[in-house]
Amino acid sequence: NLEEGLAGAAEAFCESEVQLSDDKQTVTLSKIFKWYGKDFASKKVDLLRRIAGYQQGEELKQLLDSNPKGLKIKYAEYNWDVNSK
C-alpha cells in the first residue's frame, strides 16, 4: 500500500536525520526541514511535533509536552553526495 510505504519512509528518515542533543535542549534536523519546513507545519514547535510522530521513541514527544518552546533547533549540513547515487 502506498500510504504505508510513505509512512515507513518518513519514519526511517526521521529516525536517521533527527538527533536530540545530550543535554536535551537542541534538536538537530536535516537541512531539508529548513528548506521545506513550511510544507509540514507553520510553526517550529508544530514541525517538531509532526516529526516526533514519526519517531519510534517517546523522548522528543515528552520534551515537547513538558517544555514546547524550550527546545532549540539546529540544522545539519546537507550531504549533497546522496544525490549523486
C-alpha atoms as a PDB file:
ATOM      1  CA  ASN A   1       0.000   0.000   0.000  1.00  0.00           C
ATOM      2  CA  LEU A   2       1.324   3.439  -0.963  1.00  0.00           C
ATOM      3  CA  GLU A   3       0.367   5.150   2.311  1.00  0.00           C
ATOM      4  CA  GLU A   4       2.182   2.529   4.387  1.00  0.00           C
ATOM      5  CA  GLY A   5       5.261   2.833   2.179  1.00  0.00           C
ATOM      6  CA  LEU A   6       5.327   6.622   2.545  1.00  0.00           C
ATOM      7  CA  ALA A   7       4.824   6.391   6.305  1.00  0.00           C
ATOM      8  CA  GLY A   8       7.668   3.869   6.521  1.00  0.00           C
ATOM      9  CA  ALA A   9       9.962   6.135   4.508  1.00  0.00           C
ATOM     10  CA  ALA A  10       9.075   9.114   6.729  1.00  0.00           C
ATOM     11  CA  GLU A  11       9.796   7.084   9.866  1.00  0.00           C
ATOM     12  CA  ALA A  12      13.153   5.900   8.524  1.00  0.00           C
ATOM     13  CA  PHE A  13      14.104   9.444   7.516  1.00  0.00           C
ATOM     14  CA  CYS A  14      13.146  10.945  10.885  1.00  0.00           C
ATOM     15  CA  GLU A  15      14.979   8.204  12.778  1.00  0.00           C
ATOM     16  CA  SER A  16      18.188   8.818  10.837  1.00  0.00           C
ATOM     17  CA  GLU A  17      18.049  12.585  10.270  1.00  0.00           C
ATOM     18  CA  VAL A  18      16.783  13.910  13.612  1.00  0.00           C
ATOM     19  CA  GLN A  19      19.023  13.962  16.689  1.00  0.00           C
ATOM     20  CA  LEU A  20      18.470  15.216  20.195  1.00  0.00           C
ATOM     21  CA  SER A  21      21.472  16.713  21.989  1.00  0.00           C
ATOM     22  CA  ASP A  22      22.842  15.059  25.107  1.00  0.00           C
ATOM     23  CA  ASP A  23      21.573  17.941  27.247  1.00  0.00           C
ATOM     24  CA  LYS A  24      18.088  17.533  25.693  1.00  0.00           C
ATOM     25  CA  GLN A  25      17.895  21.195  24.715  1.00  0.00           C
ATOM     26  CA  THR A  26      18.690  21.135  20.998  1.00  0.00           C
ATOM     27  CA  VAL A  27      17.175  19.141  18.162  1.00  0.00           C
ATOM     28  CA  THR A  28      19.325  18.804  15.058  1.00  0.00           C
ATOM     29  CA  LEU A  29      17.292  18.363  11.899  1.00  0.00           C
ATOM     30  CA  SER A  30      18.097  17.698   8.293  1.00  0.00           C
ATOM     31  CA  LYS A  31      18.509  20.910   6.302  1.00  0.00           C
ATOM     32  CA  ILE A  32      15.525  19.677   4.252  1.00  0.00           C
ATOM     33  CA  PHE A  33      13.294  20.709   7.156  1.00  0.00           C
ATOM     34  CA  LYS A  34      14.717  24.234   6.961  1.00  0.00           C
ATOM     35  CA  TRP A  35      14.126  24.445   3.232  1.00  0.00           C
ATOM     36  CA  TYR A  36      10.661  22.846   3.236  1.00  0.00           C
ATOM     37  CA  GLY A  37       9.530  23.203   6.851  1.00  0.00           C
ATOM     38  CA  LYS A  38       6.533  25.355   5.938  1.00  0.00           C
ATOM     39  CA  ASP A  39       5.239  22.447   3.842  1.00  0.00           C
ATOM     40  CA  PHE A  40       4.983  20.384   7.037  1.00  0.00           C
ATOM     41  CA  ALA A  41       3.926  22.972   9.641  1.00  0.00           C
ATOM     42  CA  SER A  42       3.660  26.739  10.027  1.00  0.00           C
ATOM     43  CA  LYS A  43       5.358  26.898  13.462  1.00  0.00           C
ATOM     44  CA  LYS A  44       8.607  25.269  14.539  1.00  0.00           C
ATOM     45  CA  VAL A  45       7.002  23.604  17.559  1.00  0.00           C
ATOM     46  CA  ASP A  46       4.352  22.080  15.286  1.00  0.00           C
ATOM     47  CA  LEU A  47       7.087  20.842  12.950  1.00  0.00           C
ATOM     48  CA  LEU A  48       8.805  19.152  15.894  1.00  0.00           C
ATOM     49  CA  ARG A  49       5.517  17.576  16.963  1.00  0.00           C
ATOM     50  CA  ARG A  50       4.972  16.234  13.468  1.00  0.00           C
ATOM     51  CA  ILE A  51       8.492  14.811  13.335  1.00  0.00           C
ATOM     52  CA  ALA A  52       8.042  13.261  16.798  1.00  0.00           C
ATOM     53  CA  GLY A  53       5.024  11.410  15.447  1.00  0.00           C
ATOM     54  CA  TYR A  54       7.296   9.537  13.037  1.00  0.00           C
ATOM     55  CA  GLN A  55       9.890   8.564  15.628  1.00  0.00           C
ATOM     56  CA  GLN A  56       9.903   5.252  17.470  1.00  0.00           C
ATOM     57  CA  GLY A  57      10.960   6.682  20.844  1.00  0.00           C
ATOM     58  CA  GLU A  58       8.931   8.942  23.083  1.00  0.00           C
ATOM     59  CA  GLU A  59      11.742  11.255  24.186  1.00  0.00           C
ATOM     60  CA  LEU A  60      11.072  14.127  21.774  1.00  0.00           C
ATOM     61  CA  LYS A  61       7.322  13.882  22.383  1.00  0.00           C
ATOM     62  CA  GLN A  62       7.848  14.062  26.145  1.00  0.00           C
ATOM     63  CA  LEU A  63      10.150  17.074  25.862  1.00  0.00           C
ATOM     64  CA  LEU A  64       7.625  18.858  23.670  1.00  0.00           C
ATOM     65  CA  ASP A  65       4.873  18.134  26.179  1.00  0.00           C
ATOM     66  CA  SER A  66       6.891  19.423  29.130  1.00  0.00           C
ATOM     67  CA  ASN A  67       8.614  22.424  27.529  1.00  0.00           C
ATOM     68  CA  PRO A  68       7.479  23.030  23.931  1.00  0.00           C
ATOM     69  CA  LYS A  69       9.233  26.357  23.438  1.00  0.00           C
ATOM     70  CA  GLY A  70      12.384  25.411  25.313  1.00  0.00           C
ATOM     71  CA  LEU A  71      13.873  23.309  22.527  1.00  0.00           C
ATOM     72  CA  LYS A  72      16.298  24.926  20.117  1.00  0.00           C
ATOM     73  CA  ILE A  73      16.518  23.790  16.511  1.00  0.00           C
ATOM     74  CA  LYS A  74      19.785  23.406  14.662  1.00  0.00           C
ATOM     75  CA  TYR A  75      20.139  22.228  11.073  1.00  0.00           C
ATOM     76  CA  ALA A  76      22.764  19.750   9.923  1.00  0.00           C
ATOM     77  CA  GLU A  77      24.717  20.423   6.767  1.00  0.00           C
ATOM     78  CA  TYR A  78      23.117  18.709   3.810  1.00  0.00           C
ATOM     79  CA  ASN A  79      25.135  15.905   2.226  1.00  0.00           C
ATOM     80  CA  TRP A  80      24.861  16.623  -1.496  1.00  0.00           C
ATOM     81  CA  ASP A  81      26.688  13.373  -2.267  1.00  0.00           C
ATOM     82  CA  VAL A  82      23.500  11.410  -1.610  1.00  0.00           C
ATOM     83  CA  ASN A  83      22.027  12.959  -4.754  1.00  0.00           C
ATOM     84  CA  SER A  84      24.770  11.538  -6.962  1.00  0.00           C
ATOM     85  CA  LYS A  85      23.916   7.901  -6.202  1.00  0.00           C
END
